[in-house]
Amino acid sequence: MPQFLAYGLSFTLLVGFWQDQRRILILVRQVDEGFVRLAALGLGAVALVPFPTSMQSDYTGEPVAVALYSAVIAVIGLIHLAQLTLLRGSPRPRTRPVPRHIAWGFSAEPGSTVLVFGAAALVALHDPTAAMYTWLALIPLKTAVGRASRRRPGQGLSDR
């Protein structure tokens, strides 16, 4: 994979993670120790992205390079899901109750990334090329999730 493609992919994914983090922070009134630890863990995982990106561009087709890249991206998504879970489970750091359709949309974004890149990490150990093609599944998945999360309650998503 040429370097500009690897870095372009990483940049696009990091923009998505930044958007996810912004959505999460909108819900926060005050942070607690658990939320701060998860945020620091997330920043640490994001700081790792240049290493697997470089490996991916230098060793395209190598199982370890593709699996490592996929795993790091999946971990960042998992950390965002953990932050959302913490916010949903504890009223103290939240700004207000989160309607179900909003919580679903916020969780589905990083959840789709975890699903695609987690699966790709496993596939990469057997077929790195197939794993890289697996990443393409994120495009229609994110599109569908985005459309579904923008619907108002009563338009296909339950607010119960």
C-alpha atoms as a PDB file:
ATOM      1  CA  MET A   1       0.000   0.000   0.000  1.00  0.00           C
ATOM      2  CA  PRO A   2       1.604   3.302  -1.004  1.00  0.00           C
ATOM      3  CA  GLN A   3       2.391   5.632   1.858  1.00  0.00           C
ATOM      4  CA  PHE A   4      -0.079   8.328   0.804  1.00  0.00           C
ATOM      5  CA  LEU A   5      -2.927   5.783   0.832  1.00  0.00           C
ATOM      6  CA  ALA A   6      -1.969   4.482   4.288  1.00  0.00           C
ATOM      7  CA  TYR A   7      -1.690   7.972   5.710  1.00  0.00           C
ATOM      8  CA  GLY A   8      -4.898   9.066   3.960  1.00  0.00           C
ATOM      9  CA  LEU A   9      -6.757   6.125   5.483  1.00  0.00           C
ATOM     10  CA  SER A  10      -5.358   6.880   8.936  1.00  0.00           C
ATOM     11  CA  PHE A  11      -6.211  10.560   8.622  1.00  0.00           C
ATOM     12  CA  THR A  12      -9.784   9.749   7.606  1.00  0.00           C
ATOM     13  CA  LEU A  13     -10.198   7.333  10.514  1.00  0.00           C
ATOM     14  CA  LEU A  14      -8.713   9.818  12.996  1.00  0.00           C
ATOM     15  CA  VAL A  15     -11.131  12.518  11.807  1.00  0.00           C
ATOM     16  CA  GLY A  16     -13.960  10.070  12.490  1.00  0.00           C
ATOM     17  CA  PHE A  17     -12.585   9.341  15.957  1.00  0.00           C
ATOM     18  CA  TRP A  18     -12.311  13.058  16.642  1.00  0.00           C
ATOM     19  CA  GLN A  19     -15.969  13.487  15.654  1.00  0.00           C
ATOM     20  CA  ASP A  20     -16.939  10.576  17.908  1.00  0.00           C
ATOM     21  CA  GLN A  21     -15.001  12.100  20.809  1.00  0.00           C
ATOM     22  CA  ARG A  22     -16.715  15.470  20.274  1.00  0.00           C
ATOM     23  CA  ARG A  23     -20.120  13.779  20.410  1.00  0.00           C
ATOM     24  CA  ILE A  24     -19.141  12.031  23.615  1.00  0.00           C
ATOM     25  CA  LEU A  25     -17.856  15.226  25.241  1.00  0.00           C
ATOM     26  CA  ILE A  26     -21.115  17.029  24.439  1.00  0.00           C
ATOM     27  CA  LEU A  27     -22.762  14.688  26.937  1.00  0.00           C
ATOM     28  CA  VAL A  28     -20.291  15.399  29.739  1.00  0.00           C
ATOM     29  CA  ARG A  29     -21.133  17.804  32.549  1.00  0.00           C
ATOM     30  CA  GLN A  30     -18.231  16.951  34.802  1.00  0.00           C
ATOM     31  CA  VAL A  31     -15.641  14.246  34.512  1.00  0.00           C
ATOM     32  CA  ASP A  32     -14.794  11.609  37.044  1.00  0.00           C
ATOM     33  CA  GLU A  33     -11.621   9.581  37.450  1.00  0.00           C
ATOM     34  CA  GLY A  34     -12.844   6.719  35.260  1.00  0.00           C
ATOM     35  CA  PHE A  35     -13.694   9.033  32.387  1.00  0.00           C
ATOM     36  CA  VAL A  36     -10.308  10.780  32.624  1.00  0.00           C
ATOM     37  CA  ARG A  37      -8.503   7.427  32.588  1.00  0.00           C
ATOM     38  CA  LEU A  38     -10.431   6.302  29.520  1.00  0.00           C
ATOM     39  CA  ALA A  39      -9.697   9.623  27.781  1.00  0.00           C
ATOM     40  CA  ALA A  40      -5.966   9.238  28.536  1.00  0.00           C
ATOM     41  CA  LEU A  41      -6.040   5.651  27.299  1.00  0.00           C
ATOM     42  CA  GLY A  42      -7.750   6.855  24.118  1.00  0.00           C
ATOM     43  CA  LEU A  43      -5.113   9.523  23.558  1.00  0.00           C
ATOM     44  CA  GLY A  44      -2.407   6.913  24.065  1.00  0.00           C
ATOM     45  CA  ALA A  45      -4.006   4.642  21.477  1.00  0.00           C
ATOM     46  CA  VAL A  46      -4.330   7.518  19.002  1.00  0.00           C
ATOM     47  CA  ALA A  47      -0.658   8.378  19.585  1.00  0.00           C
ATOM     48  CA  LEU A  48       0.197   4.818  18.462  1.00  0.00           C
ATOM     49  CA  VAL A  49      -1.502   5.215  15.067  1.00  0.00           C
ATOM     50  CA  PRO A  50       1.601   6.503  13.187  1.00  0.00           C
ATOM     51  CA  PHE A  51       3.534   3.308  14.015  1.00  0.00           C
ATOM     52  CA  PRO A  52       1.079   0.771  12.539  1.00  0.00           C
ATOM     53  CA  THR A  53       0.368   3.192   9.672  1.00  0.00           C
ATOM     54  CA  SER A  54       4.062   3.219   8.809  1.00  0.00           C
ATOM     55  CA  MET A  55       4.241  -0.558   9.143  1.00  0.00           C
ATOM     56  CA  GLN A  56       1.171  -0.899   6.941  1.00  0.00           C
ATOM     57  CA  SER A  57       2.705   1.245   4.205  1.00  0.00           C
ATOM     58  CA  ASP A  58       6.161  -0.377   4.423  1.00  0.00           C
ATOM     59  CA  TYR A  59       5.047  -4.001   4.802  1.00  0.00           C
ATOM     60  CA  THR A  60       1.828  -4.157   2.832  1.00  0.00           C
ATOM     61  CA  GLY A  61       0.503  -7.675   2.713  1.00  0.00           C
ATOM     62  CA  GLU A  62       2.353  -8.835   5.819  1.00  0.00           C
ATOM     63  CA  PRO A  63      -0.087 -10.413   8.281  1.00  0.00           C
ATOM     64  CA  VAL A  64       1.389  -8.750  11.374  1.00  0.00           C
ATOM     65  CA  ALA A  65       1.339  -5.260   9.832  1.00  0.00           C
ATOM     66  CA  VAL A  66      -2.288  -5.520   8.725  1.00  0.00           C
ATOM     67  CA  ALA A  67      -3.390  -7.169  11.988  1.00  0.00           C
ATOM     68  CA  LEU A  68      -1.605  -4.560  14.133  1.00  0.00           C
ATOM     69  CA  TYR A  69      -3.092  -1.656  12.187  1.00  0.00           C
ATOM     70  CA  SER A  70      -6.571  -3.164  12.389  1.00  0.00           C
ATOM     71  CA  ALA A  71      -6.220  -3.933  16.093  1.00  0.00           C
ATOM     72  CA  VAL A  72      -5.095  -0.404  17.034  1.00  0.00           C
ATOM     73  CA  ILE A  73      -8.033   1.133  15.147  1.00  0.00           C
ATOM     74  CA  ALA A  74     -10.442  -1.326  16.815  1.00  0.00           C
ATOM     75  CA  VAL A  75      -9.030  -0.502  20.270  1.00  0.00           C
ATOM     76  CA  ILE A  76      -9.661   3.224  19.778  1.00  0.00           C
ATOM     77  CA  GLY A  77     -13.280   2.439  18.920  1.00  0.00           C
ATOM     78  CA  LEU A  78     -13.553   0.194  21.983  1.00  0.00           C
ATOM     79  CA  ILE A  79     -12.312   2.992  24.217  1.00  0.00           C
ATOM     80  CA  HIS A  80     -14.985   5.314  22.830  1.00  0.00           C
ATOM     81  CA  LEU A  81     -17.603   2.646  23.482  1.00  0.00           C
ATOM     82  CA  ALA A  82     -16.307   2.318  27.052  1.00  0.00           C
ATOM     83  CA  GLN A  83     -16.653   6.080  27.539  1.00  0.00           C
ATOM     84  CA  LEU A  84     -20.228   5.966  26.275  1.00  0.00           C
ATOM     85  CA  THR A  85     -21.000   3.020  28.531  1.00  0.00           C
ATOM     86  CA  LEU A  86     -19.604   4.913  31.504  1.00  0.00           C
ATOM     87  CA  LEU A  87     -21.759   7.929  30.647  1.00  0.00           C
ATOM     88  CA  ARG A  88     -24.896   5.840  30.207  1.00  0.00           C
ATOM     89  CA  GLY A  89     -24.345   3.968  33.462  1.00  0.00           C
ATOM     90  CA  SER A  90     -23.611   6.919  35.712  1.00  0.00           C
ATOM     91  CA  PRO A  91     -25.755  10.069  35.850  1.00  0.00           C
ATOM     92  CA  ARG A  92     -23.037  12.141  37.560  1.00  0.00           C
ATOM     93  CA  PRO A  93     -20.825  12.948  34.557  1.00  0.00           C
ATOM     94  CA  ARG A  94     -23.756  13.349  32.120  1.00  0.00           C
ATOM     95  CA  THR A  95     -25.247  16.700  31.204  1.00  0.00           C
ATOM     96  CA  ARG A  96     -28.752  15.278  30.850  1.00  0.00           C
ATOM     97  CA  PRO A  97     -30.518  11.984  30.216  1.00  0.00           C
ATOM     98  CA  VAL A  98     -29.585  10.666  26.806  1.00  0.00           C
ATOM     99  CA  PRO A  99     -32.534   9.607  24.625  1.00  0.00           C
ATOM    100  CA  ARG A 100     -32.201   6.058  23.347  1.00  0.00           C
ATOM    101  CA  HIS A 101     -32.050   7.032  19.657  1.00  0.00           C
ATOM    102  CA  ILE A 102     -29.148   9.424  20.351  1.00  0.00           C
ATOM    103  CA  ALA A 103     -27.319   6.887  22.493  1.00  0.00           C
ATOM    104  CA  TRP A 104     -27.807   4.298  19.734  1.00  0.00           C
ATOM    105  CA  GLY A 105     -26.330   6.614  17.102  1.00  0.00           C
ATOM    106  CA  PHE A 106     -23.399   7.622  19.291  1.00  0.00           C
ATOM    107  CA  SER A 107     -22.627   3.974  20.105  1.00  0.00           C
ATOM    108  CA  ALA A 108     -23.163   2.659  16.583  1.00  0.00           C
ATOM    109  CA  GLU A 109     -20.476   4.891  15.069  1.00  0.00           C
ATOM    110  CA  PRO A 110     -17.495   3.535  17.039  1.00  0.00           C
ATOM    111  CA  GLY A 111     -19.224   0.145  17.248  1.00  0.00           C
ATOM    112  CA  SER A 112     -19.159  -0.227  13.481  1.00  0.00           C
ATOM    113  CA  THR A 113     -15.451   0.616  13.454  1.00  0.00           C
ATOM    114  CA  VAL A 114     -14.764  -1.969  16.163  1.00  0.00           C
ATOM    115  CA  LEU A 115     -16.734  -4.587  14.249  1.00  0.00           C
ATOM    116  CA  VAL A 116     -14.986  -4.014  10.903  1.00  0.00           C
ATOM    117  CA  PHE A 117     -11.433  -3.535  12.175  1.00  0.00           C
ATOM    118  CA  GLY A 118     -11.717  -6.207  14.866  1.00  0.00           C
ATOM    119  CA  ALA A 119     -12.804  -8.720  12.232  1.00  0.00           C
ATOM    120  CA  ALA A 120     -10.051  -7.502   9.903  1.00  0.00           C
ATOM    121  CA  ALA A 121      -7.423  -8.047  12.624  1.00  0.00           C
ATOM    122  CA  LEU A 122      -8.440 -11.699  12.846  1.00  0.00           C
ATOM    123  CA  VAL A 123      -8.733 -12.157   9.073  1.00  0.00           C
ATOM    124  CA  ALA A 124      -5.297 -10.564   8.583  1.00  0.00           C
ATOM    125  CA  LEU A 125      -3.589 -13.415  10.391  1.00  0.00           C
ATOM    126  CA  HIS A 126      -4.730 -15.747   7.590  1.00  0.00           C
ATOM    127  CA  ASP A 127      -5.148 -13.450   4.585  1.00  0.00           C
ATOM    128  CA  PRO A 128      -3.890  -9.857   4.899  1.00  0.00           C
ATOM    129  CA  THR A 129      -5.228  -8.833   1.490  1.00  0.00           C
ATOM    130  CA  ALA A 130      -8.742  -9.997   2.378  1.00  0.00           C
ATOM    131  CA  ALA A 131      -8.443  -8.103   5.666  1.00  0.00           C
ATOM    132  CA  MET A 132      -7.641  -4.866   3.845  1.00  0.00           C
ATOM    133  CA  TYR A 133     -10.685  -5.386   1.621  1.00  0.00           C
ATOM    134  CA  THR A 134     -12.711  -5.954   4.794  1.00  0.00           C
ATOM    135  CA  TRP A 135     -11.971  -2.330   5.729  1.00  0.00           C
ATOM    136  CA  LEU A 136     -14.128  -1.245   2.792  1.00  0.00           C
ATOM    137  CA  ALA A 137     -17.176  -2.597   4.624  1.00  0.00           C
ATOM    138  CA  LEU A 138     -16.884   0.433   6.891  1.00  0.00           C
ATOM    139  CA  ILE A 139     -18.084   2.770   4.112  1.00  0.00           C
ATOM    140  CA  PRO A 140     -21.627   1.399   3.668  1.00  0.00           C
ATOM    141  CA  LEU A 141     -21.865   0.547   7.370  1.00  0.00           C
ATOM    142  CA  LYS A 142     -21.012   4.089   8.511  1.00  0.00           C
ATOM    143  CA  THR A 143     -23.317   5.512   5.852  1.00  0.00           C
ATOM    144  CA  ALA A 144     -26.225   3.393   7.085  1.00  0.00           C
ATOM    145  CA  VAL A 145     -25.495   4.177  10.733  1.00  0.00           C
ATOM    146  CA  GLY A 146     -25.248   7.886   9.980  1.00  0.00           C
ATOM    147  CA  ARG A 147     -28.567   7.918   8.159  1.00  0.00           C
ATOM    148  CA  ALA A 148     -30.301   5.885  10.865  1.00  0.00           C
ATOM    149  CA  SER A 149     -28.963   8.041  13.710  1.00  0.00           C
ATOM    150  CA  ARG A 150     -30.148  11.253  12.047  1.00  0.00           C
ATOM    151  CA  ARG A 151     -33.764  10.081  12.016  1.00  0.00           C
ATOM    152  CA  ARG A 152     -36.035  11.609  14.577  1.00  0.00           C
ATOM    153  CA  PRO A 153     -37.790   9.396  17.140  1.00  0.00           C
ATOM    154  CA  GLY A 154     -40.780   7.765  15.540  1.00  0.00           C
ATOM    155  CA  GLN A 155     -39.060   7.544  12.150  1.00  0.00           C
ATOM    156  CA  GLY A 156     -37.675   4.064  12.523  1.00  0.00           C
ATOM    157  CA  LEU A 157     -35.745   4.284  15.777  1.00  0.00           C
ATOM    158  CA  SER A 158     -37.485   3.816  19.090  1.00  0.00           C
ATOM    159  CA  ASP A 159     -37.006   6.429  21.808  1.00  0.00           C
ATOM    160  CA  ARG A 160     -38.176   4.036  24.504  1.00  0.00           C
END
